Amino acid sequence: MNAFLLPKTPITSIDEYLATDVGGVGIQTAQRLGAAATIDVITASGLRGRGGAGFPTGRKWAGIAGQQTSRRYVVCNAAEGEPGTFKDRALLRANPYQVVEGLLVAAHAVDATEAFLCLKASFEHEVEAITRAVREMQSAGICTDYSVTIVSGPDEYLFGEEKAML
């Protein structure tokens, strides 16, 4: 299997992304399985958040999906709030399409119609890359069921904290 989160060379177009072993497979699989089964697969995978606490992603998604509400949304926090870190920017530079697809899988799993990707305005290269990725995925018909809004925020540390971001 090839590395797909941090490929040797950055993925810079939807065509390059779809030519990989994983391009588009995540959202296709989630749509085929349905929301509940997607959450089950994520839970069984052991995927955890990388925000410091390592909270199980499947549990987080199940909690959101179980809420009785008419409006759900998902947020990708790419604001790089921890001083001296570069992980969010590294992922967005290497493969912004994979990040958007992950956001779409999450939106599908929790039955959200809106998705937000938040990053600092000073991340100009990453803002450009993620904007291009969303636009190309929409044109390719991959990102049509969900509204994806890119939010460029201030450089302050607080912007990366989830409650402040919302």
C-alpha atoms as a PDB file:
ATOM      1  CA  MET A   1       0.000   0.000   0.000  1.00  0.00           C
ATOM      2  CA  ASN A   2       1.248   3.463  -0.859  1.00  0.00           C
ATOM      3  CA  ALA A   3       1.358   6.234   1.713  1.00  0.00           C
ATOM      4  CA  PHE A   4      -1.659   8.414   1.100  1.00  0.00           C
ATOM      5  CA  LEU A   5      -1.718  10.955   3.914  1.00  0.00           C
ATOM      6  CA  LEU A   6       1.839  12.080   3.331  1.00  0.00           C
ATOM      7  CA  PRO A   7       2.662  11.004  -0.214  1.00  0.00           C
ATOM      8  CA  LYS A   8       6.203  11.419  -1.549  1.00  0.00           C
ATOM      9  CA  THR A   9       4.998  14.242  -3.778  1.00  0.00           C
ATOM     10  CA  PRO A  10       2.009  16.445  -2.965  1.00  0.00           C
ATOM     11  CA  ILE A  11      -1.346  15.665  -4.575  1.00  0.00           C
ATOM     12  CA  THR A  12      -2.229  18.841  -6.474  1.00  0.00           C
ATOM     13  CA  SER A  13      -5.285  17.921  -8.548  1.00  0.00           C
ATOM     14  CA  ILE A  14      -8.453  15.870  -8.296  1.00  0.00           C
ATOM     15  CA  ASP A  15      -7.215  13.710 -11.174  1.00  0.00           C
ATOM     16  CA  GLU A  16      -4.032  12.852  -9.258  1.00  0.00           C
ATOM     17  CA  TYR A  17      -6.073  12.083  -6.143  1.00  0.00           C
ATOM     18  CA  LEU A  18      -8.552   9.829  -7.930  1.00  0.00           C
ATOM     19  CA  ALA A  19      -5.635   7.980  -9.557  1.00  0.00           C
ATOM     20  CA  THR A  20      -4.383   6.875  -6.112  1.00  0.00           C
ATOM     21  CA  ASP A  21      -5.522   3.672  -4.420  1.00  0.00           C
ATOM     22  CA  VAL A  22      -7.682   5.643  -1.991  1.00  0.00           C
ATOM     23  CA  GLY A  23      -9.026   8.675  -3.868  1.00  0.00           C
ATOM     24  CA  GLY A  24     -12.795   8.762  -3.431  1.00  0.00           C
ATOM     25  CA  VAL A  25     -12.975   5.315  -1.827  1.00  0.00           C
ATOM     26  CA  GLY A  26     -13.740   6.612   1.674  1.00  0.00           C
ATOM     27  CA  ILE A  27     -16.877   8.536   0.783  1.00  0.00           C
ATOM     28  CA  GLN A  28     -18.047   5.844  -1.664  1.00  0.00           C
ATOM     29  CA  THR A  29     -17.682   3.212   1.050  1.00  0.00           C
ATOM     30  CA  ALA A  30     -19.429   5.368   3.650  1.00  0.00           C
ATOM     31  CA  GLN A  31     -22.342   6.004   1.294  1.00  0.00           C
ATOM     32  CA  ARG A  32     -22.597   2.300   0.457  1.00  0.00           C
ATOM     33  CA  LEU A  33     -22.471   1.217   4.117  1.00  0.00           C
ATOM     34  CA  GLY A  34     -24.753   3.915   5.501  1.00  0.00           C
ATOM     35  CA  ALA A  35     -24.181   6.221   8.442  1.00  0.00           C
ATOM     36  CA  ALA A  36     -24.502   3.731  11.325  1.00  0.00           C
ATOM     37  CA  ALA A  37     -22.259   1.114   9.714  1.00  0.00           C
ATOM     38  CA  THR A  38     -19.680   3.790   8.883  1.00  0.00           C
ATOM     39  CA  ILE A  39     -19.555   4.743  12.552  1.00  0.00           C
ATOM     40  CA  ASP A  40     -19.194   1.054  13.449  1.00  0.00           C
ATOM     41  CA  VAL A  41     -16.237   0.691  11.054  1.00  0.00           C
ATOM     42  CA  ILE A  42     -14.553   3.812  12.438  1.00  0.00           C
ATOM     43  CA  THR A  43     -15.130   2.580  16.002  1.00  0.00           C
ATOM     44  CA  ALA A  44     -13.703  -0.861  15.191  1.00  0.00           C
ATOM     45  CA  SER A  45     -10.667   0.735  13.518  1.00  0.00           C
ATOM     46  CA  GLY A  46      -9.608   2.352  16.791  1.00  0.00           C
ATOM     47  CA  LEU A  47      -9.179   5.753  15.135  1.00  0.00           C
ATOM     48  CA  ARG A  48      -8.583   8.455  17.730  1.00  0.00           C
ATOM     49  CA  GLY A  49      -8.379  12.217  17.708  1.00  0.00           C
ATOM     50  CA  ARG A  50      -4.972  13.845  17.628  1.00  0.00           C
ATOM     51  CA  GLY A  51      -5.861  16.851  19.762  1.00  0.00           C
ATOM     52  CA  GLY A  52      -4.029  15.572  22.823  1.00  0.00           C
ATOM     53  CA  ALA A  53      -6.679  13.491  24.613  1.00  0.00           C
ATOM     54  CA  GLY A  54      -6.847  10.746  21.989  1.00  0.00           C
ATOM     55  CA  PHE A  55     -10.648  10.569  22.182  1.00  0.00           C
ATOM     56  CA  PRO A  56     -12.094   7.693  20.114  1.00  0.00           C
ATOM     57  CA  THR A  57     -13.506   9.096  16.864  1.00  0.00           C
ATOM     58  CA  GLY A  58     -16.253   6.466  16.614  1.00  0.00           C
ATOM     59  CA  ARG A  59     -17.558   7.379  20.071  1.00  0.00           C
ATOM     60  CA  LYS A  60     -17.546  11.063  19.181  1.00  0.00           C
ATOM     61  CA  TRP A  61     -19.429  10.432  15.920  1.00  0.00           C
ATOM     62  CA  ALA A  62     -21.932   8.096  17.604  1.00  0.00           C
ATOM     63  CA  GLY A  63     -22.655  10.737  20.230  1.00  0.00           C
ATOM     64  CA  ILE A  64     -23.338  13.355  17.583  1.00  0.00           C
ATOM     65  CA  ALA A  65     -25.438  11.010  15.444  1.00  0.00           C
ATOM     66  CA  GLY A  66     -27.523  10.081  18.494  1.00  0.00           C
ATOM     67  CA  GLN A  67     -28.591  13.651  19.215  1.00  0.00           C
ATOM     68  CA  GLN A  68     -32.174  14.560  18.386  1.00  0.00           C
ATOM     69  CA  THR A  69     -31.691  17.745  16.410  1.00  0.00           C
ATOM     70  CA  SER A  70     -32.637  19.141  13.054  1.00  0.00           C
ATOM     71  CA  ARG A  71     -29.200  20.617  12.349  1.00  0.00           C
ATOM     72  CA  ARG A  72     -25.812  18.955  12.477  1.00  0.00           C
ATOM     73  CA  TYR A  73     -22.488  20.127  11.187  1.00  0.00           C
ATOM     74  CA  VAL A  74     -18.884  18.955  11.355  1.00  0.00           C
ATOM     75  CA  VAL A  75     -15.757  21.026  11.815  1.00  0.00           C
ATOM     76  CA  CYS A  76     -12.215  20.183  10.769  1.00  0.00           C
ATOM     77  CA  ASN A  77      -9.851  22.110  13.022  1.00  0.00           C
ATOM     78  CA  ALA A  78      -6.726  22.719  10.961  1.00  0.00           C
ATOM     79  CA  ALA A  79      -5.786  25.860  12.890  1.00  0.00           C
ATOM     80  CA  GLU A  80      -2.579  24.347  14.291  1.00  0.00           C
ATOM     81  CA  GLY A  81      -3.162  25.648  17.792  1.00  0.00           C
ATOM     82  CA  GLU A  82      -0.193  23.992  19.469  1.00  0.00           C
ATOM     83  CA  PRO A  83       2.929  26.176  19.378  1.00  0.00           C
ATOM     84  CA  GLY A  84       5.703  24.800  17.188  1.00  0.00           C
ATOM     85  CA  THR A  85       3.603  22.161  15.437  1.00  0.00           C
ATOM     86  CA  PHE A  86       3.234  21.668  11.702  1.00  0.00           C
ATOM     87  CA  LYS A  87       1.020  18.565  11.403  1.00  0.00           C
ATOM     88  CA  ASP A  88      -2.115  20.257  10.056  1.00  0.00           C
ATOM     89  CA  ARG A  89      -0.196  22.200   7.437  1.00  0.00           C
ATOM     90  CA  ALA A  90       1.780  19.095   6.466  1.00  0.00           C
ATOM     91  CA  LEU A  91      -1.435  17.160   5.791  1.00  0.00           C
ATOM     92  CA  LEU A  92      -3.052  20.038   3.897  1.00  0.00           C
ATOM     93  CA  ARG A  93       0.054  20.578   1.776  1.00  0.00           C
ATOM     94  CA  ALA A  94       0.572  16.908   0.997  1.00  0.00           C
ATOM     95  CA  ASN A  95      -3.000  15.856   0.247  1.00  0.00           C
ATOM     96  CA  PRO A  96      -5.807  18.380   0.757  1.00  0.00           C
ATOM     97  CA  TYR A  97      -8.215  16.071  -1.096  1.00  0.00           C
ATOM     98  CA  GLN A  98      -7.843  13.369   1.554  1.00  0.00           C
ATOM     99  CA  VAL A  99      -8.613  15.910   4.286  1.00  0.00           C
ATOM    100  CA  VAL A 100     -11.759  17.053   2.463  1.00  0.00           C
ATOM    101  CA  GLU A 101     -12.828  13.454   1.869  1.00  0.00           C
ATOM    102  CA  GLY A 102     -12.394  12.682   5.568  1.00  0.00           C
ATOM    103  CA  LEU A 103     -14.570  15.682   6.368  1.00  0.00           C
ATOM    104  CA  LEU A 104     -17.222  14.364   3.953  1.00  0.00           C
ATOM    105  CA  VAL A 105     -17.132  10.891   5.535  1.00  0.00           C
ATOM    106  CA  ALA A 106     -17.657  12.481   8.956  1.00  0.00           C
ATOM    107  CA  ALA A 107     -20.528  14.608   7.622  1.00  0.00           C
ATOM    108  CA  HIS A 108     -22.160  11.526   6.121  1.00  0.00           C
ATOM    109  CA  ALA A 109     -21.732   9.486   9.309  1.00  0.00           C
ATOM    110  CA  VAL A 110     -23.405  12.055  11.559  1.00  0.00           C
ATOM    111  CA  ASP A 111     -25.990  13.167   8.976  1.00  0.00           C
ATOM    112  CA  ALA A 112     -24.617  16.696   8.751  1.00  0.00           C
ATOM    113  CA  THR A 113     -25.419  18.916   5.820  1.00  0.00           C
ATOM    114  CA  GLU A 114     -22.782  21.526   6.592  1.00  0.00           C
ATOM    115  CA  ALA A 115     -19.066  21.096   7.059  1.00  0.00           C
ATOM    116  CA  PHE A 116     -16.485  23.686   8.031  1.00  0.00           C
ATOM    117  CA  LEU A 117     -12.741  23.556   7.586  1.00  0.00           C
ATOM    118  CA  CYS A 118     -11.041  26.129   9.800  1.00  0.00           C
ATOM    119  CA  LEU A 119      -7.452  27.255   9.465  1.00  0.00           C
ATOM    120  CA  LYS A 120      -5.423  30.362  10.090  1.00  0.00           C
ATOM    121  CA  ALA A 121      -5.477  33.054   7.406  1.00  0.00           C
ATOM    122  CA  SER A 122      -1.674  33.181   7.561  1.00  0.00           C
ATOM    123  CA  PHE A 123      -1.614  29.646   6.105  1.00  0.00           C
ATOM    124  CA  GLU A 124      -1.997  31.161   2.636  1.00  0.00           C
ATOM    125  CA  HIS A 125      -0.641  28.152   0.727  1.00  0.00           C
ATOM    126  CA  GLU A 126      -2.919  25.771   2.632  1.00  0.00           C
ATOM    127  CA  VAL A 127      -5.992  28.010   2.222  1.00  0.00           C
ATOM    128  CA  GLU A 128      -5.354  28.024  -1.526  1.00  0.00           C
ATOM    129  CA  ALA A 129      -4.825  24.239  -1.663  1.00  0.00           C
ATOM    130  CA  ILE A 130      -7.921  23.358   0.359  1.00  0.00           C
ATOM    131  CA  THR A 131     -10.072  25.850  -1.561  1.00  0.00           C
ATOM    132  CA  ARG A 132      -8.933  24.272  -4.830  1.00  0.00           C
ATOM    133  CA  ALA A 133      -9.572  20.774  -3.464  1.00  0.00           C
ATOM    134  CA  VAL A 134     -13.141  21.593  -2.403  1.00  0.00           C
ATOM    135  CA  ARG A 135     -13.886  23.298  -5.726  1.00  0.00           C
ATOM    136  CA  GLU A 136     -12.474  20.390  -7.767  1.00  0.00           C
ATOM    137  CA  MET A 137     -14.274  17.779  -5.653  1.00  0.00           C
ATOM    138  CA  GLN A 138     -17.543  19.663  -6.131  1.00  0.00           C
ATOM    139  CA  SER A 139     -16.966  19.816  -9.902  1.00  0.00           C
ATOM    140  CA  ALA A 140     -16.204  16.075  -9.927  1.00  0.00           C
ATOM    141  CA  GLY A 141     -19.491  15.353  -8.131  1.00  0.00           C
ATOM    142  CA  ILE A 142     -17.778  14.060  -4.981  1.00  0.00           C
ATOM    143  CA  CYS A 143     -18.689  16.953  -2.713  1.00  0.00           C
ATOM    144  CA  THR A 144     -22.270  17.709  -3.752  1.00  0.00           C
ATOM    145  CA  ASP A 145     -24.307  16.448  -0.781  1.00  0.00           C
ATOM    146  CA  TYR A 146     -22.623  18.723   1.735  1.00  0.00           C
ATOM    147  CA  SER A 147     -21.888  22.414   1.960  1.00  0.00           C
ATOM    148  CA  VAL A 148     -18.187  22.878   2.782  1.00  0.00           C
ATOM    149  CA  THR A 149     -17.188  26.295   4.091  1.00  0.00           C
ATOM    150  CA  ILE A 150     -13.556  27.249   4.496  1.00  0.00           C
ATOM    151  CA  VAL A 151     -13.023  29.604   7.430  1.00  0.00           C
ATOM    152  CA  SER A 152      -9.795  31.606   7.612  1.00  0.00           C
ATOM    153  CA  GLY A 153      -9.259  32.914  11.104  1.00  0.00           C
ATOM    154  CA  PRO A 154      -6.778  34.881  13.188  1.00  0.00           C
ATOM    155  CA  ASP A 155      -3.346  33.628  14.188  1.00  0.00           C
ATOM    156  CA  GLU A 156      -4.085  33.727  17.907  1.00  0.00           C
ATOM    157  CA  TYR A 157      -3.751  30.436  19.775  1.00  0.00           C
ATOM    158  CA  LEU A 158      -7.357  30.693  20.969  1.00  0.00           C
ATOM    159  CA  PHE A 159      -8.687  30.278  17.409  1.00  0.00           C
ATOM    160  CA  GLY A 160      -7.510  26.666  17.427  1.00  0.00           C
ATOM    161  CA  GLU A 161      -9.491  25.862  20.589  1.00  0.00           C
ATOM    162  CA  GLU A 162     -12.722  24.216  19.454  1.00  0.00           C
ATOM    163  CA  LYS A 163     -15.220  26.247  21.476  1.00  0.00           C
ATOM    164  CA  ALA A 164     -13.582  29.521  20.448  1.00  0.00           C
ATOM    165  CA  MET A 165     -13.542  28.348  16.846  1.00  0.00           C
ATOM    166  CA  LEU A 166     -17.259  27.607  16.838  1.00  0.00           C
END
